[in-house]
Amino acid sequence: MNSASQTRPRIAVDAMGGDNAPGEIVAGAIVAARQKYADIILVGDEARIRPLLTGMGAELITLVHAPDEVPMDQHPSQAIRNHERSSLGIAINLVRDKSADAVVSAGNSGAYLAIALIRLRTVEGIARPAIATVLPGLGGPSVMLDAGANVDCRPEWLAQFGMMGAAYARAVLKIQNPRVAILSVGEERTKGNQQTIEAARLLDAAPVNFIGNIEGKDVLINAADVIVADGFVGNVVLKVSEGLVSALGSVIKDSITQGSLLNKLGAVLMMPALNKLRNKYNYETYGGAPLLGLRGNCIVAHGRATHTAIASAIRAASDEAGADVVGKIEALVAPHLAREA
């Protein structure tokens, strides 16, 4: 192994996880391997994966055999019992054993969370890991968490999400002093349910730049760099945003194809701008969402991920590992714990 490869993060990829596995997962890994920003370890059924490892970049990938896979509808408790044989469990164990710096999976997210929580454990001072997703905004990106890992949350968990999001925004998004806000039903501090009001009080005392509440209308305009929500609300916001972008794309396409010749000519002139807008709000551009709060780098890819999204998820995993997000979270949380002790 040459010195250049020794400096690249090692990314374990669950080749059997996701609706399009293993074909799209392997194809995405090959795309990422050609770009040479990470050393990639594919984990899965060798008999199914080996024939797919063809073309330039395939020779750069390491294959680790896993006899089983986690079905998308399998209960997390069952996945935990079988994790030593599954592609997801073995990939996570590679991170636990320091044989990989991060893991990427588009598979069963409940099983992913459960296995990672048991095998990697949480950072001291963090009660629950949270899925953080980067939302493109008119004034720049925001990171929102939780996006679905914890549908019922305590106020102290929301405060911890704010600290983890701030650490991620500094380390990966390169925002010097990220603004942290709670997603609520009004901007006033008195607005919201008991959970958000109490979480706001805790965030006021946390080592972050807490700016108060924001509303749903503020999510995509970069009103805050870190948006805190419980997993129920955060997941709804994420799915509504994805659906809105898809619906707008269909409306624009219908307007073009069913319009007059003049409309079609205008559409040709607008196409570069429309493509730029589509790419900016396309989840495949971001690829995956980090599962923050664990003692290891974990990226959750979309269940419908294509090879483009998987390549982007591997890039996100490489960036997270290279930025030492876990260390940044530990460094932010530890002094806060000491003050509370």
C-alpha atoms as a PDB file:
ATOM      1  CA  MET A   1       0.000   0.000   0.000  1.00  0.00           C
ATOM      2  CA  ASN A   2       1.467   3.361  -0.989  1.00  0.00           C
ATOM      3  CA  SER A   3       1.584   6.435   1.234  1.00  0.00           C
ATOM      4  CA  ALA A   4      -1.256   8.156  -0.641  1.00  0.00           C
ATOM      5  CA  SER A   5      -3.663   5.287   0.045  1.00  0.00           C
ATOM      6  CA  GLN A   6      -2.663   5.245   3.721  1.00  0.00           C
ATOM      7  CA  THR A   7      -4.003   8.794   4.119  1.00  0.00           C
ATOM      8  CA  ARG A   8      -7.382   8.005   2.574  1.00  0.00           C
ATOM      9  CA  PRO A   9     -10.291   7.039   4.840  1.00  0.00           C
ATOM     10  CA  ARG A  10     -11.361   3.388   4.668  1.00  0.00           C
ATOM     11  CA  ILE A  11     -15.096   3.146   3.994  1.00  0.00           C
ATOM     12  CA  ALA A  12     -17.033  -0.084   4.596  1.00  0.00           C
ATOM     13  CA  VAL A  13     -20.101  -0.320   2.344  1.00  0.00           C
ATOM     14  CA  ASP A  14     -23.036  -2.641   3.022  1.00  0.00           C
ATOM     15  CA  ALA A  15     -23.389  -4.064  -0.495  1.00  0.00           C
ATOM     16  CA  MET A  16     -26.606  -5.945   0.285  1.00  0.00           C
ATOM     17  CA  GLY A  17     -28.589  -3.079   1.839  1.00  0.00           C
ATOM     18  CA  GLY A  18     -31.217  -1.089  -0.083  1.00  0.00           C
ATOM     19  CA  ASP A  19     -33.940  -1.594  -2.671  1.00  0.00           C
ATOM     20  CA  ASN A  20     -31.395  -1.663  -5.505  1.00  0.00           C
ATOM     21  CA  ALA A  21     -28.764  -3.896  -3.889  1.00  0.00           C
ATOM     22  CA  PRO A  22     -26.337  -5.228  -4.784  1.00  0.00           C
ATOM     23  CA  GLY A  23     -26.179  -3.852  -8.350  1.00  0.00           C
ATOM     24  CA  GLU A  24     -26.464  -0.120  -7.700  1.00  0.00           C
ATOM     25  CA  ILE A  25     -24.425  -0.344  -4.507  1.00  0.00           C
ATOM     26  CA  VAL A  26     -21.505  -2.028  -6.257  1.00  0.00           C
ATOM     27  CA  ALA A  27     -21.764   0.372  -9.206  1.00  0.00           C
ATOM     28  CA  GLY A  28     -21.651   3.358  -6.829  1.00  0.00           C
ATOM     29  CA  ALA A  29     -18.646   1.913  -5.034  1.00  0.00           C
ATOM     30  CA  ILE A  30     -16.822   1.560  -8.358  1.00  0.00           C
ATOM     31  CA  VAL A  31     -17.598   5.187  -9.234  1.00  0.00           C
ATOM     32  CA  ALA A  32     -16.226   6.289  -5.852  1.00  0.00           C
ATOM     33  CA  ALA A  33     -13.171   4.050  -6.214  1.00  0.00           C
ATOM     34  CA  ARG A  34     -12.292   5.709  -9.530  1.00  0.00           C
ATOM     35  CA  GLN A  35     -12.326   9.090  -7.795  1.00  0.00           C
ATOM     36  CA  LYS A  36      -9.779   7.778  -5.263  1.00  0.00           C
ATOM     37  CA  TYR A  37     -10.853   9.801  -2.218  1.00  0.00           C
ATOM     38  CA  ALA A  38     -11.391   6.678  -0.110  1.00  0.00           C
ATOM     39  CA  ASP A  39     -10.328   3.047   0.130  1.00  0.00           C
ATOM     40  CA  ILE A  40     -13.544   1.066  -0.236  1.00  0.00           C
ATOM     41  CA  ILE A  41     -14.452  -2.225   1.416  1.00  0.00           C
ATOM     42  CA  LEU A  42     -17.579  -3.887   0.001  1.00  0.00           C
ATOM     43  CA  VAL A  43     -19.291  -6.234   2.449  1.00  0.00           C
ATOM     44  CA  GLY A  44     -21.730  -8.831   1.163  1.00  0.00           C
ATOM     45  CA  ASP A  45     -22.331 -12.131  -0.610  1.00  0.00           C
ATOM     46  CA  GLU A  46     -19.165 -12.738  -2.613  1.00  0.00           C
ATOM     47  CA  ALA A  47     -20.925 -14.972  -5.142  1.00  0.00           C
ATOM     48  CA  ARG A  48     -23.298 -12.140  -6.070  1.00  0.00           C
ATOM     49  CA  ILE A  49     -20.852  -9.252  -5.806  1.00  0.00           C
ATOM     50  CA  ARG A  50     -17.746 -10.620  -7.532  1.00  0.00           C
ATOM     51  CA  PRO A  51     -19.351 -10.768 -11.030  1.00  0.00           C
ATOM     52  CA  LEU A  52     -20.383  -7.100 -10.658  1.00  0.00           C
ATOM     53  CA  LEU A  53     -16.859  -5.892  -9.928  1.00  0.00           C
ATOM     54  CA  THR A  54     -15.877  -5.031 -13.488  1.00  0.00           C
ATOM     55  CA  GLY A  55     -14.450  -1.998 -15.244  1.00  0.00           C
ATOM     56  CA  MET A  56     -11.989   0.677 -14.219  1.00  0.00           C
ATOM     57  CA  GLY A  57     -11.899   1.171 -10.462  1.00  0.00           C
ATOM     58  CA  ALA A  58     -13.162  -2.289  -9.547  1.00  0.00           C
ATOM     59  CA  GLU A  59      -9.637  -3.523  -8.932  1.00  0.00           C
ATOM     60  CA  LEU A  60      -9.240  -0.931  -6.179  1.00  0.00           C
ATOM     61  CA  ILE A  61     -12.071  -2.363  -4.059  1.00  0.00           C
ATOM     62  CA  THR A  62     -11.621  -4.885  -1.249  1.00  0.00           C
ATOM     63  CA  LEU A  63     -14.364  -7.481  -0.806  1.00  0.00           C
ATOM     64  CA  VAL A  64     -15.339  -8.947   2.576  1.00  0.00           C
ATOM     65  CA  HIS A  65     -17.751 -11.858   2.429  1.00  0.00           C
ATOM     66  CA  ALA A  66     -20.948 -11.821   4.488  1.00  0.00           C
ATOM     67  CA  PRO A  67     -23.256 -14.852   4.188  1.00  0.00           C
ATOM     68  CA  ASP A  68     -26.482 -13.066   5.184  1.00  0.00           C
ATOM     69  CA  GLU A  69     -28.271  -9.780   4.619  1.00  0.00           C
ATOM     70  CA  VAL A  70     -30.819  -7.754   6.596  1.00  0.00           C
ATOM     71  CA  PRO A  71     -34.204  -7.602   4.816  1.00  0.00           C
ATOM     72  CA  MET A  72     -35.672  -4.111   4.551  1.00  0.00           C
ATOM     73  CA  ASP A  73     -38.703  -5.163   6.617  1.00  0.00           C
ATOM     74  CA  GLN A  74     -36.869  -7.151   9.299  1.00  0.00           C
ATOM     75  CA  HIS A  75     -37.455  -6.095  12.904  1.00  0.00           C
ATOM     76  CA  PRO A  76     -34.348  -4.540  14.507  1.00  0.00           C
ATOM     77  CA  SER A  77     -34.336  -7.124  17.318  1.00  0.00           C
ATOM     78  CA  GLN A  78     -34.050  -9.940  14.784  1.00  0.00           C
ATOM     79  CA  ALA A  79     -31.324  -8.072  12.903  1.00  0.00           C
ATOM     80  CA  ILE A  80     -29.341  -7.722  16.134  1.00  0.00           C
ATOM     81  CA  ARG A  81     -29.507 -11.465  16.797  1.00  0.00           C
ATOM     82  CA  ASN A  82     -28.089 -12.235  13.342  1.00  0.00           C
ATOM     83  CA  HIS A  83     -25.742  -9.292  12.963  1.00  0.00           C
ATOM     84  CA  GLU A  84     -22.501 -11.307  13.142  1.00  0.00           C
ATOM     85  CA  ARG A  85     -23.395 -12.930   9.793  1.00  0.00           C
ATOM     86  CA  SER A  86     -25.120 -10.046   8.004  1.00  0.00           C
ATOM     87  CA  SER A  87     -23.468  -7.590   5.622  1.00  0.00           C
ATOM     88  CA  LEU A  88     -24.714  -4.664   7.734  1.00  0.00           C
ATOM     89  CA  GLY A  89     -23.457  -6.132  11.007  1.00  0.00           C
ATOM     90  CA  ILE A  90     -20.051  -7.092   9.606  1.00  0.00           C
ATOM     91  CA  ALA A  91     -19.616  -3.643   8.023  1.00  0.00           C
ATOM     92  CA  ILE A  92     -20.357  -1.961  11.371  1.00  0.00           C
ATOM     93  CA  ASN A  93     -17.982  -4.345  13.140  1.00  0.00           C
ATOM     94  CA  LEU A  94     -15.207  -3.272  10.773  1.00  0.00           C
ATOM     95  CA  VAL A  95     -15.599   0.266  12.161  1.00  0.00           C
ATOM     96  CA  ARG A  96     -15.726  -1.017  15.736  1.00  0.00           C
ATOM     97  CA  ASP A  97     -12.512  -2.987  15.169  1.00  0.00           C
ATOM     98  CA  LYS A  98     -10.757   0.012  13.524  1.00  0.00           C
ATOM     99  CA  SER A  99     -10.517  -1.861  10.210  1.00  0.00           C
ATOM    100  CA  ALA A 100     -12.656   0.862   8.604  1.00  0.00           C
ATOM    101  CA  ASP A 101     -13.130   4.552   9.373  1.00  0.00           C
ATOM    102  CA  ALA A 102     -16.799   4.753   8.400  1.00  0.00           C
ATOM    103  CA  VAL A 103     -19.717   2.612   7.247  1.00  0.00           C
ATOM    104  CA  VAL A 104     -22.326   3.334   4.548  1.00  0.00           C
ATOM    105  CA  SER A 105     -25.635   1.474   4.192  1.00  0.00           C
ATOM    106  CA  ALA A 106     -28.850   2.062   2.251  1.00  0.00           C
ATOM    107  CA  GLY A 107     -30.483  -0.835   4.080  1.00  0.00           C
ATOM    108  CA  ASN A 108     -32.951  -1.218   6.925  1.00  0.00           C
ATOM    109  CA  SER A 109     -32.491   2.019   8.899  1.00  0.00           C
ATOM    110  CA  GLY A 110     -34.040   0.650  12.110  1.00  0.00           C
ATOM    111  CA  ALA A 111     -31.673  -2.313  12.064  1.00  0.00           C
ATOM    112  CA  TYR A 112     -28.769   0.004  11.206  1.00  0.00           C
ATOM    113  CA  LEU A 113     -29.471   2.188  14.227  1.00  0.00           C
ATOM    114  CA  ALA A 114     -29.954  -0.773  16.568  1.00  0.00           C
ATOM    115  CA  ILE A 115     -26.796  -2.638  15.549  1.00  0.00           C
ATOM    116  CA  ALA A 116     -24.656   0.502  15.484  1.00  0.00           C
ATOM    117  CA  LEU A 117     -25.918   1.532  18.927  1.00  0.00           C
ATOM    118  CA  ILE A 118     -24.945  -1.832  20.423  1.00  0.00           C
ATOM    119  CA  ARG A 119     -21.635  -2.337  18.615  1.00  0.00           C
ATOM    120  CA  LEU A 120     -20.292   1.242  18.617  1.00  0.00           C
ATOM    121  CA  ARG A 121     -22.007   2.824  21.647  1.00  0.00           C
ATOM    122  CA  THR A 122     -22.716   6.513  22.003  1.00  0.00           C
ATOM    123  CA  VAL A 123     -20.310   9.322  22.778  1.00  0.00           C
ATOM    124  CA  GLU A 124     -20.227  10.038  26.523  1.00  0.00           C
ATOM    125  CA  GLY A 125     -22.931  12.556  27.319  1.00  0.00           C
ATOM    126  CA  ILE A 126     -25.088  11.645  24.307  1.00  0.00           C
ATOM    127  CA  ALA A 127     -28.189   9.619  25.143  1.00  0.00           C
ATOM    128  CA  ARG A 128     -29.354   8.827  21.614  1.00  0.00           C
ATOM    129  CA  PRO A 129     -27.797   9.069  18.154  1.00  0.00           C
ATOM    130  CA  ALA A 130     -29.632  11.178  15.583  1.00  0.00           C
ATOM    131  CA  ILE A 131     -29.829  11.207  11.805  1.00  0.00           C
ATOM    132  CA  ALA A 132     -28.574  14.532  10.480  1.00  0.00           C
ATOM    133  CA  THR A 133     -29.522  15.556   6.959  1.00  0.00           C
ATOM    134  CA  VAL A 134     -28.153  18.468   4.985  1.00  0.00           C
ATOM    135  CA  LEU A 135     -30.924  20.624   3.528  1.00  0.00           C
ATOM    136  CA  PRO A 136     -30.037  22.933   0.636  1.00  0.00           C
ATOM    137  CA  GLY A 137     -31.300  26.460   1.239  1.00  0.00           C
ATOM    138  CA  LEU A 138     -31.524  29.749  -0.622  1.00  0.00           C
ATOM    139  CA  GLY A 139     -28.859  31.256   1.624  1.00  0.00           C
ATOM    140  CA  GLY A 140     -26.765  28.109   2.010  1.00  0.00           C
ATOM    141  CA  PRO A 141     -27.175  24.621   3.475  1.00  0.00           C
ATOM    142  CA  SER A 142     -28.564  23.761   6.901  1.00  0.00           C
ATOM    143  CA  VAL A 143     -28.188  20.540   8.841  1.00  0.00           C
ATOM    144  CA  MET A 144     -31.391  19.210  10.409  1.00  0.00           C
ATOM    145  CA  LEU A 145     -31.527  16.574  13.116  1.00  0.00           C
ATOM    146  CA  ASP A 146     -33.161  14.300  14.022  1.00  0.00           C
ATOM    147  CA  ALA A 147     -34.474  13.165  10.631  1.00  0.00           C
ATOM    148  CA  GLY A 148     -36.041   9.935  11.798  1.00  0.00           C
ATOM    149  CA  ALA A 149     -33.994   7.939  14.308  1.00  0.00           C
ATOM    150  CA  ASN A 150     -36.014   8.966  17.395  1.00  0.00           C
ATOM    151  CA  VAL A 151     -39.707   9.731  16.931  1.00  0.00           C
ATOM    152  CA  ASP A 152     -40.299  10.325  20.660  1.00  0.00           C
ATOM    153  CA  CYS A 153     -37.706  12.563  22.285  1.00  0.00           C
ATOM    154  CA  ARG A 154     -36.930  14.094  25.628  1.00  0.00           C
ATOM    155  CA  PRO A 155     -35.958  17.787  25.855  1.00  0.00           C
ATOM    156  CA  GLU A 156     -32.389  16.906  26.872  1.00  0.00           C
ATOM    157  CA  TRP A 157     -32.024  14.781  23.736  1.00  0.00           C
ATOM    158  CA  LEU A 158     -33.010  17.765  21.591  1.00  0.00           C
ATOM    159  CA  ALA A 159     -30.359  19.855  23.335  1.00  0.00           C
ATOM    160  CA  GLN A 160     -27.795  17.157  22.570  1.00  0.00           C
ATOM    161  CA  PHE A 161     -28.930  17.130  18.927  1.00  0.00           C
ATOM    162  CA  GLY A 162     -28.188  20.858  18.818  1.00  0.00           C
ATOM    163  CA  MET A 163     -24.646  20.324  20.097  1.00  0.00           C
ATOM    164  CA  MET A 164     -23.988  17.447  17.688  1.00  0.00           C
ATOM    165  CA  GLY A 165     -25.362  19.458  14.775  1.00  0.00           C
ATOM    166  CA  ALA A 166     -23.167  22.425  15.676  1.00  0.00           C
ATOM    167  CA  ALA A 167     -20.078  20.203  15.778  1.00  0.00           C
ATOM    168  CA  TYR A 168     -20.976  18.710  12.379  1.00  0.00           C
ATOM    169  CA  ALA A 169     -21.662  22.122  10.820  1.00  0.00           C
ATOM    170  CA  ARG A 170     -18.265  23.381  11.966  1.00  0.00           C
ATOM    171  CA  ALA A 171     -16.329  20.284  10.933  1.00  0.00           C
ATOM    172  CA  VAL A 172     -17.959  19.395   7.606  1.00  0.00           C
ATOM    173  CA  LEU A 173     -19.895  22.451   6.399  1.00  0.00           C
ATOM    174  CA  LYS A 174     -17.058  24.753   7.562  1.00  0.00           C
ATOM    175  CA  ILE A 175     -19.411  27.194   9.323  1.00  0.00           C
ATOM    176  CA  GLN A 176     -17.383  29.005  11.973  1.00  0.00           C
ATOM    177  CA  ASN A 177     -20.149  29.802  14.463  1.00  0.00           C
ATOM    178  CA  PRO A 178     -23.257  27.893  13.361  1.00  0.00           C
ATOM    179  CA  ARG A 179     -26.639  29.278  14.345  1.00  0.00           C
ATOM    180  CA  VAL A 180     -28.724  26.662  16.160  1.00  0.00           C
ATOM    181  CA  ALA A 181     -32.532  26.865  16.240  1.00  0.00           C
ATOM    182  CA  ILE A 182     -35.486  24.686  17.246  1.00  0.00           C
ATOM    183  CA  LEU A 183     -38.211  24.006  14.688  1.00  0.00           C
ATOM    184  CA  SER A 184     -41.491  25.089  16.270  1.00  0.00           C
ATOM    185  CA  VAL A 185     -44.916  26.592  15.537  1.00  0.00           C
ATOM    186  CA  GLY A 186     -43.834  30.164  16.171  1.00  0.00           C
ATOM    187  CA  GLU A 187     -40.723  32.306  16.522  1.00  0.00           C
ATOM    188  CA  GLU A 188     -41.549  33.477  20.050  1.00  0.00           C
ATOM    189  CA  ARG A 189     -39.913  31.570  22.896  1.00  0.00           C
ATOM    190  CA  THR A 190     -43.330  30.917  24.434  1.00  0.00           C
ATOM    191  CA  LYS A 191     -44.538  29.091  21.305  1.00  0.00           C
ATOM    192  CA  GLY A 192     -44.306  25.321  20.991  1.00  0.00           C
ATOM    193  CA  ASN A 193     -45.072  22.297  23.107  1.00  0.00           C
ATOM    194  CA  GLN A 194     -43.532  21.555  26.498  1.00  0.00           C
ATOM    195  CA  GLN A 195     -40.789  19.522  24.852  1.00  0.00           C
ATOM    196  CA  THR A 196     -39.509  22.343  22.619  1.00  0.00           C
ATOM    197  CA  ILE A 197     -39.871  25.028  25.291  1.00  0.00           C
ATOM    198  CA  GLU A 198     -37.795  23.009  27.752  1.00  0.00           C
ATOM    199  CA  ALA A 199     -35.265  22.101  25.050  1.00  0.00           C
ATOM    200  CA  ALA A 200     -34.860  25.803  24.249  1.00  0.00           C
ATOM    201  CA  ARG A 201     -34.053  26.497  27.888  1.00  0.00           C
ATOM    202  CA  LEU A 202     -31.399  23.771  27.847  1.00  0.00           C
ATOM    203  CA  LEU A 203     -29.895  25.016  24.584  1.00  0.00           C
ATOM    204  CA  ASP A 204     -29.619  28.508  26.068  1.00  0.00           C
ATOM    205  CA  ALA A 205     -27.156  27.019  28.568  1.00  0.00           C
ATOM    206  CA  ALA A 206     -25.365  24.801  26.026  1.00  0.00           C
ATOM    207  CA  PRO A 207     -22.056  25.744  24.327  1.00  0.00           C
ATOM    208  CA  VAL A 208     -23.728  26.642  21.021  1.00  0.00           C
ATOM    209  CA  ASN A 209     -24.925  29.773  19.248  1.00  0.00           C
ATOM    210  CA  PHE A 210     -28.616  29.245  20.014  1.00  0.00           C
ATOM    211  CA  ILE A 211     -30.884  31.767  18.249  1.00  0.00           C
ATOM    212  CA  GLY A 212     -34.304  30.490  19.353  1.00  0.00           C
ATOM    213  CA  ASN A 213     -37.225  29.156  17.334  1.00  0.00           C
ATOM    214  CA  ILE A 214     -37.785  29.006  13.591  1.00  0.00           C
ATOM    215  CA  GLU A 215     -40.943  28.013  11.715  1.00  0.00           C
ATOM    216  CA  GLY A 216     -41.536  25.579   8.874  1.00  0.00           C
ATOM    217  CA  LYS A 217     -41.398  28.397   6.327  1.00  0.00           C
ATOM    218  CA  ASP A 218     -37.804  29.089   7.359  1.00  0.00           C
ATOM    219  CA  VAL A 219     -36.414  25.590   6.771  1.00  0.00           C
ATOM    220  CA  LEU A 220     -35.243  26.083   3.177  1.00  0.00           C
ATOM    221  CA  ILE A 221     -34.038  29.687   3.439  1.00  0.00           C
ATOM    222  CA  ASN A 222     -31.083  29.107   5.785  1.00  0.00           C
ATOM    223  CA  ALA A 223     -32.667  30.927   8.718  1.00  0.00           C
ATOM    224  CA  ALA A 224     -30.430  28.709  10.882  1.00  0.00           C
ATOM    225  CA  ASP A 225     -27.386  26.559  10.184  1.00  0.00           C
ATOM    226  CA  VAL A 226     -28.567  23.792  12.540  1.00  0.00           C
ATOM    227  CA  ILE A 227     -32.263  22.916  12.817  1.00  0.00           C
ATOM    228  CA  VAL A 228     -33.302  20.833  15.834  1.00  0.00           C
ATOM    229  CA  ALA A 229     -36.417  18.668  15.753  1.00  0.00           C
ATOM    230  CA  ASP A 230     -37.558  15.314  17.062  1.00  0.00           C
ATOM    231  CA  GLY A 231     -37.361  12.426  14.610  1.00  0.00           C
ATOM    232  CA  PHE A 232     -41.095  12.459  13.876  1.00  0.00           C
ATOM    233  CA  VAL A 233     -41.212  16.108  12.839  1.00  0.00           C
ATOM    234  CA  GLY A 234     -37.798  15.995  11.159  1.00  0.00           C
ATOM    235  CA  ASN A 235     -38.695  12.997   9.004  1.00  0.00           C
ATOM    236  CA  VAL A 236     -41.977  14.599   7.931  1.00  0.00           C
ATOM    237  CA  VAL A 237     -40.123  17.784   6.947  1.00  0.00           C
ATOM    238  CA  LEU A 238     -37.579  15.755   4.980  1.00  0.00           C
ATOM    239  CA  LYS A 239     -40.203  13.729   3.090  1.00  0.00           C
ATOM    240  CA  VAL A 240     -42.329  16.821   2.358  1.00  0.00           C
ATOM    241  CA  SER A 241     -39.257  18.597   0.988  1.00  0.00           C
ATOM    242  CA  GLU A 242     -38.372  15.629  -1.253  1.00  0.00           C
ATOM    243  CA  GLY A 243     -41.970  15.394  -2.462  1.00  0.00           C
ATOM    244  CA  LEU A 244     -42.182  19.124  -3.133  1.00  0.00           C
ATOM    245  CA  VAL A 245     -39.044  19.101  -5.288  1.00  0.00           C
ATOM    246  CA  SER A 246     -40.339  16.079  -7.222  1.00  0.00           C
ATOM    247  CA  ALA A 247     -43.762  17.671  -7.721  1.00  0.00           C
ATOM    248  CA  LEU A 248     -42.281  20.968  -8.913  1.00  0.00           C
ATOM    249  CA  GLY A 249     -40.122  19.080 -11.392  1.00  0.00           C
ATOM    250  CA  SER A 250     -43.201  17.324 -12.788  1.00  0.00           C
ATOM    251  CA  VAL A 251     -45.126  20.600 -13.048  1.00  0.00           C
ATOM    252  CA  ILE A 252     -42.265  22.235 -14.944  1.00  0.00           C
ATOM    253  CA  LYS A 253     -41.906  19.229 -17.256  1.00  0.00           C
ATOM    254  CA  ASP A 254     -45.639  19.164 -18.024  1.00  0.00           C
ATOM    255  CA  SER A 255     -45.648  22.904 -18.696  1.00  0.00           C
ATOM    256  CA  ILE A 256     -42.831  22.447 -21.194  1.00  0.00           C
ATOM    257  CA  THR A 257     -44.085  19.340 -23.026  1.00  0.00           C
ATOM    258  CA  GLN A 258     -47.710  20.499 -23.249  1.00  0.00           C
ATOM    259  CA  GLY A 259     -46.996  24.132 -24.000  1.00  0.00           C
ATOM    260  CA  SER A 260     -46.729  26.073 -27.233  1.00  0.00           C
ATOM    261  CA  LEU A 261     -43.698  26.179 -29.497  1.00  0.00           C
ATOM    262  CA  LEU A 262     -42.709  29.445 -27.853  1.00  0.00           C
ATOM    263  CA  ASN A 263     -42.880  27.803 -24.416  1.00  0.00           C
ATOM    264  CA  LYS A 264     -40.689  24.951 -25.599  1.00  0.00           C
ATOM    265  CA  LEU A 265     -38.147  27.361 -27.067  1.00  0.00           C
ATOM    266  CA  GLY A 266     -38.068  29.257 -23.776  1.00  0.00           C
ATOM    267  CA  ALA A 267     -37.621  25.979 -21.908  1.00  0.00           C
ATOM    268  CA  VAL A 268     -34.535  25.164 -23.961  1.00  0.00           C
ATOM    269  CA  LEU A 269     -33.006  28.480 -22.914  1.00  0.00           C
ATOM    270  CA  MET A 270     -33.948  27.864 -19.273  1.00  0.00           C
ATOM    271  CA  MET A 271     -32.711  24.263 -19.175  1.00  0.00           C
ATOM    272  CA  PRO A 272     -29.228  24.998 -17.695  1.00  0.00           C
ATOM    273  CA  ALA A 273     -30.798  26.941 -14.809  1.00  0.00           C
ATOM    274  CA  LEU A 274     -33.460  24.268 -14.259  1.00  0.00           C
ATOM    275  CA  ASN A 275     -30.850  21.508 -14.198  1.00  0.00           C
ATOM    276  CA  LYS A 276     -28.807  23.475 -11.669  1.00  0.00           C
ATOM    277  CA  LEU A 277     -31.892  23.881  -9.470  1.00  0.00           C
ATOM    278  CA  ARG A 278     -32.752  20.183  -9.768  1.00  0.00           C
ATOM    279  CA  ASN A 279     -29.228  19.123  -8.820  1.00  0.00           C
ATOM    280  CA  LYS A 280     -29.166  21.457  -5.845  1.00  0.00           C
ATOM    281  CA  TYR A 281     -32.321  19.954  -4.348  1.00  0.00           C
ATOM    282  CA  ASN A 282     -31.759  16.342  -5.456  1.00  0.00           C
ATOM    283  CA  TYR A 283     -31.118  14.002  -2.518  1.00  0.00           C
ATOM    284  CA  GLU A 284     -28.724  11.996  -4.717  1.00  0.00           C
ATOM    285  CA  THR A 285     -26.345  14.953  -4.691  1.00  0.00           C
ATOM    286  CA  TYR A 286     -25.954  14.583  -0.913  1.00  0.00           C
ATOM    287  CA  GLY A 287     -26.241  10.796  -1.001  1.00  0.00           C
ATOM    288  CA  GLY A 288     -26.448  10.015   2.670  1.00  0.00           C
ATOM    289  CA  ALA A 289     -27.119  11.376   6.139  1.00  0.00           C
ATOM    290  CA  PRO A 290     -24.704  10.958   9.053  1.00  0.00           C
ATOM    291  CA  LEU A 291     -25.892   9.098  12.134  1.00  0.00           C
ATOM    292  CA  LEU A 292     -24.351  11.376  14.768  1.00  0.00           C
ATOM    293  CA  GLY A 293     -23.593  10.621  18.404  1.00  0.00           C
ATOM    294  CA  LEU A 294     -21.972   7.215  17.953  1.00  0.00           C
ATOM    295  CA  ARG A 295     -18.327   6.344  18.541  1.00  0.00           C
ATOM    296  CA  GLY A 296     -17.884   5.681  14.854  1.00  0.00           C
ATOM    297  CA  ASN A 297     -18.798   7.324  11.557  1.00  0.00           C
ATOM    298  CA  CYS A 298     -22.057   5.992  10.097  1.00  0.00           C
ATOM    299  CA  ILE A 299     -23.793   7.231   6.937  1.00  0.00           C
ATOM    300  CA  VAL A 300     -27.432   6.342   6.233  1.00  0.00           C
ATOM    301  CA  ALA A 301     -28.166   6.298   2.487  1.00  0.00           C
ATOM    302  CA  HIS A 302     -31.642   6.468   0.961  1.00  0.00           C
ATOM    303  CA  GLY A 303     -33.332   3.075   0.592  1.00  0.00           C
ATOM    304  CA  ARG A 304     -33.901   3.797  -3.113  1.00  0.00           C
ATOM    305  CA  ALA A 305     -30.319   4.945  -3.611  1.00  0.00           C
ATOM    306  CA  THR A 306     -28.875   4.635  -7.101  1.00  0.00           C
ATOM    307  CA  HIS A 307     -25.182   4.339  -7.905  1.00  0.00           C
ATOM    308  CA  THR A 308     -24.969   8.143  -7.994  1.00  0.00           C
ATOM    309  CA  ALA A 309     -26.371   8.442  -4.467  1.00  0.00           C
ATOM    310  CA  ILE A 310     -24.103   5.671  -3.171  1.00  0.00           C
ATOM    311  CA  ALA A 311     -21.020   7.375  -4.607  1.00  0.00           C
ATOM    312  CA  SER A 312     -22.154  10.608  -2.918  1.00  0.00           C
ATOM    313  CA  ALA A 313     -22.745   8.753   0.361  1.00  0.00           C
ATOM    314  CA  ILE A 314     -19.216   7.342   0.236  1.00  0.00           C
ATOM    315  CA  ARG A 315     -17.948  10.878  -0.341  1.00  0.00           C
ATOM    316  CA  ALA A 316     -19.947  12.055   2.699  1.00  0.00           C
ATOM    317  CA  ALA A 317     -18.487   9.229   4.790  1.00  0.00           C
ATOM    318  CA  SER A 318     -14.985  10.144   3.660  1.00  0.00           C
ATOM    319  CA  ASP A 319     -15.564  13.807   4.543  1.00  0.00           C
ATOM    320  CA  GLU A 320     -16.945  12.933   7.970  1.00  0.00           C
ATOM    321  CA  ALA A 321     -14.061  10.607   8.784  1.00  0.00           C
ATOM    322  CA  GLY A 322     -11.500  13.103   7.508  1.00  0.00           C
ATOM    323  CA  ALA A 323     -13.016  15.914   9.574  1.00  0.00           C
ATOM    324  CA  ASP A 324     -13.045  13.764  12.755  1.00  0.00           C
ATOM    325  CA  VAL A 325     -16.672  14.580  13.491  1.00  0.00           C
ATOM    326  CA  VAL A 326     -16.774  12.080  16.366  1.00  0.00           C
ATOM    327  CA  GLY A 327     -13.826  13.823  18.016  1.00  0.00           C
ATOM    328  CA  LYS A 328     -15.421  17.234  17.471  1.00  0.00           C
ATOM    329  CA  ILE A 329     -18.645  16.096  19.162  1.00  0.00           C
ATOM    330  CA  GLU A 330     -16.692  14.657  22.097  1.00  0.00           C
ATOM    331  CA  ALA A 331     -14.721  17.894  22.451  1.00  0.00           C
ATOM    332  CA  LEU A 332     -17.897  20.008  22.496  1.00  0.00           C
ATOM    333  CA  VAL A 333     -19.906  17.811  24.853  1.00  0.00           C
ATOM    334  CA  ALA A 334     -17.197  16.960  27.431  1.00  0.00           C
ATOM    335  CA  PRO A 335     -16.741  20.490  28.910  1.00  0.00           C
ATOM    336  CA  HIS A 336     -20.521  20.888  29.068  1.00  0.00           C
ATOM    337  CA  LEU A 337     -20.758  17.651  31.057  1.00  0.00           C
ATOM    338  CA  ALA A 338     -18.027  18.844  33.410  1.00  0.00           C
ATOM    339  CA  ARG A 339     -19.943  22.051  34.127  1.00  0.00           C
ATOM    340  CA  GLU A 340     -23.119  20.099  34.872  1.00  0.00           C
ATOM    341  CA  ALA A 341     -21.344  17.636  37.211  1.00  0.00           C
END
